[in-house]
Amino acid sequence: MSSTPSGADTDADLRRVWQRRVGSVGRALVVVVVAFLAAYVAVGLGMPLLLSAGVVTAESMGFRIAASVLQFVGFGVGIAGYFAVTEEWDVLHVDRPSLTDLGWIVGGIVAILAAARIIGEVLARLDVQVAQNQVIVAGQQNPEFFLYMIPVSLLLVGPFEELVFRGGVQGVLRRSWGSRAAVVIAAGLFGAIHLVALTGTGSRISYVVVAAALGLILGAIYERTRNLAVPALVHGVYNSVLFAVQYASATGAL
């Protein structure tokens, strides 16, 4: 004779589901906090050493580039430390890109550039002035900075930001929320965290929305390919194109 679950059993099951989900959000936030703390420590310890050794001088272009490099290396160290402690390495999926992956990389670059262009035009038509990223402001003061940030984006920014938000955050959330919700929540965190890098009088919320929308594309690509190298390359190339355009604009070539 079969039996059906009682209302109490169903309620208990729902509570357990939501406890797991809330717990996974907490762990995802820990991933972000650990990554940024590690970046803070890397910059805080590394920059004084570089200054004292005469490798860079304060407020120079080299200083800003070195700080960016140390920040993203710190991201990598922080994430490695988190997974070493939690032993959740299985949420990360990284492999050499296949031919199919290469197709997704090309398609992803086209999609993310098109999305950024469309969102930008919509905001312009609505007469919304978007806040600026501090990196862009620094490059406008010295356009050569944009050129140096291209390899930094390809080798560090794209890979390590994707390691944090798609590999870490999205991977942790996927277990209890499922793929779609994990993509959305990770993209929201990705957009929100950019608040710390903004400057100027423009709309910060608009910038966050744009970053979150691009995060949705990167997250969807990761879920489709299950290879972190794919969104990392798309992200790195997107930033590189942005910096190349900014350099051309700042030098009058565009």
C-alpha atoms as a PDB file:
ATOM      1  CA  MET A   1       0.000   0.000   0.000  1.00  0.00           C
ATOM      2  CA  SER A   2       1.453   3.373  -1.065  1.00  0.00           C
ATOM      3  CA  SER A   3       1.400   6.458   1.073  1.00  0.00           C
ATOM      4  CA  THR A   4       1.574  10.126   0.252  1.00  0.00           C
ATOM      5  CA  PRO A   5       3.752  12.593   2.146  1.00  0.00           C
ATOM      6  CA  SER A   6       1.999  14.489   4.883  1.00  0.00           C
ATOM      7  CA  GLY A   7       1.792  18.276   4.890  1.00  0.00           C
ATOM      8  CA  ALA A   8       4.359  18.357   7.689  1.00  0.00           C
ATOM      9  CA  ASP A   9       6.803  16.270   5.628  1.00  0.00           C
ATOM     10  CA  THR A  10       6.309  18.543   2.615  1.00  0.00           C
ATOM     11  CA  ASP A  11       6.910  21.651   4.708  1.00  0.00           C
ATOM     12  CA  ALA A  12      10.047  20.094   6.177  1.00  0.00           C
ATOM     13  CA  ASP A  13      11.327  19.257   2.695  1.00  0.00           C
ATOM     14  CA  LEU A  14      10.698  22.823   1.532  1.00  0.00           C
ATOM     15  CA  ARG A  15      12.511  24.197   4.552  1.00  0.00           C
ATOM     16  CA  ARG A  16      15.511  21.981   3.801  1.00  0.00           C
ATOM     17  CA  VAL A  17      15.521  23.097   0.170  1.00  0.00           C
ATOM     18  CA  TRP A  18      15.484  26.756   1.143  1.00  0.00           C
ATOM     19  CA  GLN A  19      18.066  26.218   3.848  1.00  0.00           C
ATOM     20  CA  ARG A  20      20.384  24.742   1.222  1.00  0.00           C
ATOM     21  CA  ARG A  21      19.662  27.607  -1.131  1.00  0.00           C
ATOM     22  CA  VAL A  22      20.241  30.298   1.470  1.00  0.00           C
ATOM     23  CA  GLY A  23      23.401  28.487   2.561  1.00  0.00           C
ATOM     24  CA  SER A  24      24.687  28.413  -1.013  1.00  0.00           C
ATOM     25  CA  VAL A  25      24.084  32.165  -1.379  1.00  0.00           C
ATOM     26  CA  GLY A  26      26.069  32.654   1.815  1.00  0.00           C
ATOM     27  CA  ARG A  27      28.931  30.551   0.428  1.00  0.00           C
ATOM     28  CA  ALA A  28      28.795  32.458  -2.860  1.00  0.00           C
ATOM     29  CA  LEU A  29      29.151  35.726  -0.948  1.00  0.00           C
ATOM     30  CA  VAL A  30      32.087  34.225   0.945  1.00  0.00           C
ATOM     31  CA  VAL A  31      33.729  33.422  -2.410  1.00  0.00           C
ATOM     32  CA  VAL A  32      33.476  37.085  -3.426  1.00  0.00           C
ATOM     33  CA  VAL A  33      34.621  38.406  -0.035  1.00  0.00           C
ATOM     34  CA  VAL A  34      37.609  36.031   0.094  1.00  0.00           C
ATOM     35  CA  ALA A  35      38.639  37.000  -3.454  1.00  0.00           C
ATOM     36  CA  PHE A  36      38.503  40.723  -2.689  1.00  0.00           C
ATOM     37  CA  LEU A  37      40.250  40.355   0.658  1.00  0.00           C
ATOM     38  CA  ALA A  38      43.042  38.425  -1.025  1.00  0.00           C
ATOM     39  CA  ALA A  39      43.269  41.129  -3.702  1.00  0.00           C
ATOM     40  CA  TYR A  40      43.391  43.816  -1.007  1.00  0.00           C
ATOM     41  CA  VAL A  41      46.205  41.985   0.778  1.00  0.00           C
ATOM     42  CA  ALA A  42      48.120  41.385  -2.462  1.00  0.00           C
ATOM     43  CA  VAL A  43      47.984  45.072  -3.378  1.00  0.00           C
ATOM     44  CA  GLY A  44      48.606  46.214   0.192  1.00  0.00           C
ATOM     45  CA  LEU A  45      51.720  44.056   0.568  1.00  0.00           C
ATOM     46  CA  GLY A  46      52.994  44.113  -2.993  1.00  0.00           C
ATOM     47  CA  MET A  47      52.818  47.795  -3.859  1.00  0.00           C
ATOM     48  CA  PRO A  48      54.983  49.029  -0.943  1.00  0.00           C
ATOM     49  CA  LEU A  49      57.601  46.446  -1.936  1.00  0.00           C
ATOM     50  CA  LEU A  50      57.570  47.616  -5.553  1.00  0.00           C
ATOM     51  CA  LEU A  51      57.752  51.256  -4.441  1.00  0.00           C
ATOM     52  CA  SER A  52      60.640  50.673  -2.051  1.00  0.00           C
ATOM     53  CA  ALA A  53      62.518  48.682  -4.699  1.00  0.00           C
ATOM     54  CA  GLY A  54      62.079  51.523  -7.180  1.00  0.00           C
ATOM     55  CA  VAL A  55      60.224  49.315  -9.658  1.00  0.00           C
ATOM     56  CA  VAL A  56      57.354  51.831  -9.829  1.00  0.00           C
ATOM     57  CA  THR A  57      56.781  55.367  -8.579  1.00  0.00           C
ATOM     58  CA  ALA A  58      53.699  56.598  -6.767  1.00  0.00           C
ATOM     59  CA  GLU A  59      50.724  57.617  -8.929  1.00  0.00           C
ATOM     60  CA  SER A  60      52.550  56.696 -12.135  1.00  0.00           C
ATOM     61  CA  MET A  61      51.108  54.624 -14.959  1.00  0.00           C
ATOM     62  CA  GLY A  62      53.327  51.742 -13.888  1.00  0.00           C
ATOM     63  CA  PHE A  63      51.911  52.030 -10.400  1.00  0.00           C
ATOM     64  CA  ARG A  64      48.343  51.624 -11.694  1.00  0.00           C
ATOM     65  CA  ILE A  65      49.262  48.713 -13.950  1.00  0.00           C
ATOM     66  CA  ALA A  66      51.121  46.931 -11.146  1.00  0.00           C
ATOM     67  CA  ALA A  67      48.168  47.469  -8.800  1.00  0.00           C
ATOM     68  CA  SER A  68      45.801  45.930 -11.374  1.00  0.00           C
ATOM     69  CA  VAL A  69      48.084  42.935 -11.865  1.00  0.00           C
ATOM     70  CA  LEU A  70      48.388  42.340  -8.118  1.00  0.00           C
ATOM     71  CA  GLN A  71      44.626  42.716  -7.642  1.00  0.00           C
ATOM     72  CA  PHE A  72      43.764  39.960 -10.084  1.00  0.00           C
ATOM     73  CA  VAL A  73      46.588  37.704  -8.956  1.00  0.00           C
ATOM     74  CA  GLY A  74      45.075  38.172  -5.504  1.00  0.00           C
ATOM     75  CA  PHE A  75      41.730  37.036  -6.891  1.00  0.00           C
ATOM     76  CA  GLY A  76      43.336  33.822  -8.053  1.00  0.00           C
ATOM     77  CA  VAL A  77      45.095  33.211  -4.744  1.00  0.00           C
ATOM     78  CA  GLY A  78      41.877  33.886  -2.822  1.00  0.00           C
ATOM     79  CA  ILE A  79      39.800  31.485  -4.911  1.00  0.00           C
ATOM     80  CA  ALA A  80      42.490  28.799  -4.705  1.00  0.00           C
ATOM     81  CA  GLY A  81      42.511  29.222  -0.929  1.00  0.00           C
ATOM     82  CA  TYR A  82      38.722  29.002  -0.711  1.00  0.00           C
ATOM     83  CA  PHE A  83      38.518  25.766  -2.685  1.00  0.00           C
ATOM     84  CA  ALA A  84      41.529  24.304  -0.899  1.00  0.00           C
ATOM     85  CA  VAL A  85      39.658  24.748   2.386  1.00  0.00           C
ATOM     86  CA  THR A  86      36.175  23.701   1.196  1.00  0.00           C
ATOM     87  CA  GLU A  87      37.406  21.009  -1.221  1.00  0.00           C
ATOM     88  CA  GLU A  88      34.680  21.986  -3.695  1.00  0.00           C
ATOM     89  CA  TRP A  89      36.993  21.843  -6.693  1.00  0.00           C
ATOM     90  CA  ASP A  90      34.388  19.810  -8.582  1.00  0.00           C
ATOM     91  CA  VAL A  91      32.263  22.933  -9.205  1.00  0.00           C
ATOM     92  CA  LEU A  92      35.009  24.270 -11.475  1.00  0.00           C
ATOM     93  CA  HIS A  93      35.075  23.093 -15.091  1.00  0.00           C
ATOM     94  CA  VAL A  94      38.155  24.113 -17.086  1.00  0.00           C
ATOM     95  CA  ASP A  95      39.539  22.459 -20.195  1.00  0.00           C
ATOM     96  CA  ARG A  96      41.363  23.240 -23.402  1.00  0.00           C
ATOM     97  CA  PRO A  97      38.814  24.820 -25.778  1.00  0.00           C
ATOM     98  CA  SER A  98      37.483  22.406 -28.406  1.00  0.00           C
ATOM     99  CA  LEU A  99      36.428  23.400 -31.919  1.00  0.00           C
ATOM    100  CA  THR A 100      32.874  23.738 -30.613  1.00  0.00           C
ATOM    101  CA  ASP A 101      34.147  25.930 -27.791  1.00  0.00           C
ATOM    102  CA  LEU A 102      35.946  28.137 -30.312  1.00  0.00           C
ATOM    103  CA  GLY A 103      32.625  28.660 -32.049  1.00  0.00           C
ATOM    104  CA  TRP A 104      31.085  29.699 -28.741  1.00  0.00           C
ATOM    105  CA  ILE A 105      33.998  32.055 -28.102  1.00  0.00           C
ATOM    106  CA  VAL A 106      33.519  33.819 -31.436  1.00  0.00           C
ATOM    107  CA  GLY A 107      29.738  33.895 -31.021  1.00  0.00           C
ATOM    108  CA  GLY A 108      30.064  35.068 -27.426  1.00  0.00           C
ATOM    109  CA  ILE A 109      32.367  37.945 -28.386  1.00  0.00           C
ATOM    110  CA  VAL A 110      29.930  39.067 -31.092  1.00  0.00           C
ATOM    111  CA  ALA A 111      26.962  38.723 -28.723  1.00  0.00           C
ATOM    112  CA  ILE A 112      28.519  40.596 -25.820  1.00  0.00           C
ATOM    113  CA  LEU A 113      29.768  43.437 -28.026  1.00  0.00           C
ATOM    114  CA  ALA A 114      26.361  43.712 -29.698  1.00  0.00           C
ATOM    115  CA  ALA A 115      24.580  43.666 -26.325  1.00  0.00           C
ATOM    116  CA  ALA A 116      26.863  46.393 -24.955  1.00  0.00           C
ATOM    117  CA  ARG A 117      26.257  48.505 -28.063  1.00  0.00           C
ATOM    118  CA  ILE A 118      22.476  48.088 -27.919  1.00  0.00           C
ATOM    119  CA  ILE A 119      22.271  48.831 -24.193  1.00  0.00           C
ATOM    120  CA  GLY A 120      24.511  51.864 -24.680  1.00  0.00           C
ATOM    121  CA  GLU A 121      22.289  53.229 -27.451  1.00  0.00           C
ATOM    122  CA  VAL A 122      19.144  52.671 -25.364  1.00  0.00           C
ATOM    123  CA  LEU A 123      20.668  54.531 -22.413  1.00  0.00           C
ATOM    124  CA  ALA A 124      21.783  57.349 -24.731  1.00  0.00           C
ATOM    125  CA  ARG A 125      18.262  57.691 -26.151  1.00  0.00           C
ATOM    126  CA  LEU A 126      16.939  57.849 -22.589  1.00  0.00           C
ATOM    127  CA  ASP A 127      19.539  60.543 -21.890  1.00  0.00           C
ATOM    128  CA  VAL A 128      21.039  58.476 -19.068  1.00  0.00           C
ATOM    129  CA  GLN A 129      24.623  59.383 -18.212  1.00  0.00           C
ATOM    130  CA  VAL A 130      26.412  56.291 -16.931  1.00  0.00           C
ATOM    131  CA  ALA A 131      29.099  56.466 -14.242  1.00  0.00           C
ATOM    132  CA  GLN A 132      32.643  55.722 -15.382  1.00  0.00           C
ATOM    133  CA  ASN A 133      34.969  52.971 -14.312  1.00  0.00           C
ATOM    134  CA  GLN A 134      38.107  54.322 -12.614  1.00  0.00           C
ATOM    135  CA  VAL A 135      40.232  52.359 -15.097  1.00  0.00           C
ATOM    136  CA  ILE A 136      38.694  54.307 -17.984  1.00  0.00           C
ATOM    137  CA  VAL A 137      39.307  57.616 -16.207  1.00  0.00           C
ATOM    138  CA  ALA A 138      42.949  56.660 -15.628  1.00  0.00           C
ATOM    139  CA  GLY A 139      43.344  55.816 -19.307  1.00  0.00           C
ATOM    140  CA  GLN A 140      41.790  59.086 -20.427  1.00  0.00           C
ATOM    141  CA  GLN A 141      44.491  60.895 -18.466  1.00  0.00           C
ATOM    142  CA  ASN A 142      47.209  58.787 -20.123  1.00  0.00           C
ATOM    143  CA  PRO A 143      45.928  56.896 -23.198  1.00  0.00           C
ATOM    144  CA  GLU A 144      48.971  54.602 -23.266  1.00  0.00           C
ATOM    145  CA  PHE A 145      47.513  53.000 -20.144  1.00  0.00           C
ATOM    146  CA  PHE A 146      44.767  51.482 -22.308  1.00  0.00           C
ATOM    147  CA  LEU A 147      47.350  49.633 -24.401  1.00  0.00           C
ATOM    148  CA  TYR A 148      48.944  48.055 -21.341  1.00  0.00           C
ATOM    149  CA  MET A 149      45.539  47.019 -20.037  1.00  0.00           C
ATOM    150  CA  ILE A 150      44.849  44.920 -23.141  1.00  0.00           C
ATOM    151  CA  PRO A 151      47.270  42.088 -22.217  1.00  0.00           C
ATOM    152  CA  VAL A 152      46.313  42.491 -18.552  1.00  0.00           C
ATOM    153  CA  SER A 153      42.674  41.944 -19.537  1.00  0.00           C
ATOM    154  CA  LEU A 154      43.411  38.904 -21.671  1.00  0.00           C
ATOM    155  CA  LEU A 155      45.770  37.223 -19.215  1.00  0.00           C
ATOM    156  CA  LEU A 156      44.378  38.274 -15.833  1.00  0.00           C
ATOM    157  CA  VAL A 157      41.110  40.237 -15.731  1.00  0.00           C
ATOM    158  CA  GLY A 158      39.034  37.920 -17.920  1.00  0.00           C
ATOM    159  CA  PRO A 159      40.345  34.637 -16.469  1.00  0.00           C
ATOM    160  CA  PHE A 160      40.306  35.625 -12.801  1.00  0.00           C
ATOM    161  CA  GLU A 161      36.990  37.521 -12.783  1.00  0.00           C
ATOM    162  CA  GLU A 162      35.398  34.546 -14.502  1.00  0.00           C
ATOM    163  CA  LEU A 163      37.069  32.205 -12.026  1.00  0.00           C
ATOM    164  CA  VAL A 164      35.444  34.167  -9.182  1.00  0.00           C
ATOM    165  CA  PHE A 165      31.982  34.820 -10.583  1.00  0.00           C
ATOM    166  CA  ARG A 166      31.283  32.025 -13.041  1.00  0.00           C
ATOM    167  CA  GLY A 167      33.532  29.304 -11.669  1.00  0.00           C
ATOM    168  CA  GLY A 168      33.160  30.066  -7.966  1.00  0.00           C
ATOM    169  CA  VAL A 169      29.893  31.919  -7.393  1.00  0.00           C
ATOM    170  CA  GLN A 170      27.877  30.336 -10.209  1.00  0.00           C
ATOM    171  CA  GLY A 171      29.344  26.910  -9.527  1.00  0.00           C
ATOM    172  CA  VAL A 172      28.448  27.020  -5.833  1.00  0.00           C
ATOM    173  CA  LEU A 173      24.923  28.295  -6.532  1.00  0.00           C
ATOM    174  CA  ARG A 174      24.220  25.759  -9.277  1.00  0.00           C
ATOM    175  CA  ARG A 175      24.028  22.850  -6.832  1.00  0.00           C
ATOM    176  CA  SER A 176      20.986  24.125  -4.950  1.00  0.00           C
ATOM    177  CA  TRP A 177      19.440  26.712  -7.288  1.00  0.00           C
ATOM    178  CA  GLY A 178      19.902  25.049 -10.671  1.00  0.00           C
ATOM    179  CA  SER A 179      21.675  26.486 -13.698  1.00  0.00           C
ATOM    180  CA  ARG A 180      19.280  29.289 -14.688  1.00  0.00           C
ATOM    181  CA  ALA A 181      18.924  30.822 -11.244  1.00  0.00           C
ATOM    182  CA  ALA A 182      22.676  30.441 -10.658  1.00  0.00           C
ATOM    183  CA  VAL A 183      23.394  32.425 -13.826  1.00  0.00           C
ATOM    184  CA  VAL A 184      21.021  35.221 -12.786  1.00  0.00           C
ATOM    185  CA  ILE A 185      22.249  35.503  -9.182  1.00  0.00           C
ATOM    186  CA  ALA A 186      25.924  35.363 -10.201  1.00  0.00           C
ATOM    187  CA  ALA A 187      25.312  38.038 -12.848  1.00  0.00           C
ATOM    188  CA  GLY A 188      23.606  40.235 -10.248  1.00  0.00           C
ATOM    189  CA  LEU A 189      26.586  39.938  -7.905  1.00  0.00           C
ATOM    190  CA  PHE A 190      28.949  40.572 -10.815  1.00  0.00           C
ATOM    191  CA  GLY A 191      27.110  43.783 -11.637  1.00  0.00           C
ATOM    192  CA  ALA A 192      26.810  44.952  -8.031  1.00  0.00           C
ATOM    193  CA  ILE A 193      30.489  44.476  -7.238  1.00  0.00           C
ATOM    194  CA  HIS A 194      31.392  47.003  -9.935  1.00  0.00           C
ATOM    195  CA  LEU A 195      29.999  49.744  -7.699  1.00  0.00           C
ATOM    196  CA  VAL A 196      33.355  49.887  -5.904  1.00  0.00           C
ATOM    197  CA  ALA A 197      35.154  50.784  -9.151  1.00  0.00           C
ATOM    198  CA  LEU A 198      32.907  53.631 -10.296  1.00  0.00           C
ATOM    199  CA  THR A 199      33.502  57.344 -10.248  1.00  0.00           C
ATOM    200  CA  GLY A 200      31.885  60.516 -11.572  1.00  0.00           C
ATOM    201  CA  THR A 201      28.367  61.893 -11.325  1.00  0.00           C
ATOM    202  CA  GLY A 202      26.703  59.492 -13.761  1.00  0.00           C
ATOM    203  CA  SER A 203      24.207  56.794 -12.877  1.00  0.00           C
ATOM    204  CA  ARG A 204      25.864  53.980 -10.960  1.00  0.00           C
ATOM    205  CA  ILE A 205      22.751  51.811 -11.140  1.00  0.00           C
ATOM    206  CA  SER A 206      22.823  51.969 -14.943  1.00  0.00           C
ATOM    207  CA  TYR A 207      26.420  50.755 -14.952  1.00  0.00           C
ATOM    208  CA  VAL A 208      25.509  47.907 -12.611  1.00  0.00           C
ATOM    209  CA  VAL A 209      22.611  46.909 -14.880  1.00  0.00           C
ATOM    210  CA  VAL A 210      24.890  46.907 -17.937  1.00  0.00           C
ATOM    211  CA  ALA A 211      27.533  44.808 -16.151  1.00  0.00           C
ATOM    212  CA  ALA A 212      24.883  42.384 -14.893  1.00  0.00           C
ATOM    213  CA  ALA A 213      23.442  42.021 -18.415  1.00  0.00           C
ATOM    214  CA  LEU A 214      26.891  41.183 -19.781  1.00  0.00           C
ATOM    215  CA  GLY A 215      27.318  38.793 -16.860  1.00  0.00           C
ATOM    216  CA  LEU A 216      24.165  36.980 -17.965  1.00  0.00           C
ATOM    217  CA  ILE A 217      25.730  36.335 -21.357  1.00  0.00           C
ATOM    218  CA  LEU A 218      28.968  35.097 -19.833  1.00  0.00           C
ATOM    219  CA  GLY A 219      27.080  32.892 -17.381  1.00  0.00           C
ATOM    220  CA  ALA A 220      24.903  31.387 -20.096  1.00  0.00           C
ATOM    221  CA  ILE A 221      27.980  30.624 -22.200  1.00  0.00           C
ATOM    222  CA  TYR A 222      29.604  28.892 -19.234  1.00  0.00           C
ATOM    223  CA  GLU A 223      26.534  26.764 -18.595  1.00  0.00           C
ATOM    224  CA  ARG A 224      26.324  25.806 -22.252  1.00  0.00           C
ATOM    225  CA  THR A 225      29.996  24.895 -22.661  1.00  0.00           C
ATOM    226  CA  ARG A 226      30.889  23.904 -19.072  1.00  0.00           C
ATOM    227  CA  ASN A 227      34.377  25.184 -19.819  1.00  0.00           C
ATOM    228  CA  LEU A 228      35.517  28.234 -17.857  1.00  0.00           C
ATOM    229  CA  ALA A 229      38.112  28.997 -20.512  1.00  0.00           C
ATOM    230  CA  VAL A 230      35.320  30.045 -22.889  1.00  0.00           C
ATOM    231  CA  PRO A 231      33.743  32.924 -20.891  1.00  0.00           C
ATOM    232  CA  ALA A 232      37.247  33.885 -19.691  1.00  0.00           C
ATOM    233  CA  LEU A 233      38.359  34.447 -23.293  1.00  0.00           C
ATOM    234  CA  VAL A 234      35.115  36.211 -24.225  1.00  0.00           C
ATOM    235  CA  HIS A 235      35.459  38.495 -21.194  1.00  0.00           C
ATOM    236  CA  GLY A 236      39.132  39.213 -21.866  1.00  0.00           C
ATOM    237  CA  VAL A 237      38.560  40.005 -25.539  1.00  0.00           C
ATOM    238  CA  TYR A 238      35.554  42.204 -24.722  1.00  0.00           C
ATOM    239  CA  ASN A 239      37.626  44.283 -22.292  1.00  0.00           C
ATOM    240  CA  SER A 240      40.481  44.438 -24.795  1.00  0.00           C
ATOM    241  CA  VAL A 241      38.204  45.749 -27.545  1.00  0.00           C
ATOM    242  CA  LEU A 242      36.823  48.317 -25.106  1.00  0.00           C
ATOM    243  CA  PHE A 243      40.340  49.490 -24.221  1.00  0.00           C
ATOM    244  CA  ALA A 244      41.395  49.599 -27.880  1.00  0.00           C
ATOM    245  CA  VAL A 245      38.365  51.754 -28.730  1.00  0.00           C
ATOM    246  CA  GLN A 246      39.052  54.009 -25.746  1.00  0.00           C
ATOM    247  CA  TYR A 247      42.688  54.404 -26.854  1.00  0.00           C
ATOM    248  CA  ALA A 248      41.646  55.271 -30.400  1.00  0.00           C
ATOM    249  CA  SER A 249      39.107  57.783 -29.081  1.00  0.00           C
ATOM    250  CA  ALA A 250      41.552  59.378 -26.621  1.00  0.00           C
ATOM    251  CA  THR A 251      44.271  59.765 -29.255  1.00  0.00           C
ATOM    252  CA  GLY A 252      41.928  61.108 -31.931  1.00  0.00           C
ATOM    253  CA  ALA A 253      42.267  58.036 -34.158  1.00  0.00           C
ATOM    254  CA  LEU A 254      38.529  57.333 -33.880  1.00  0.00           C
END
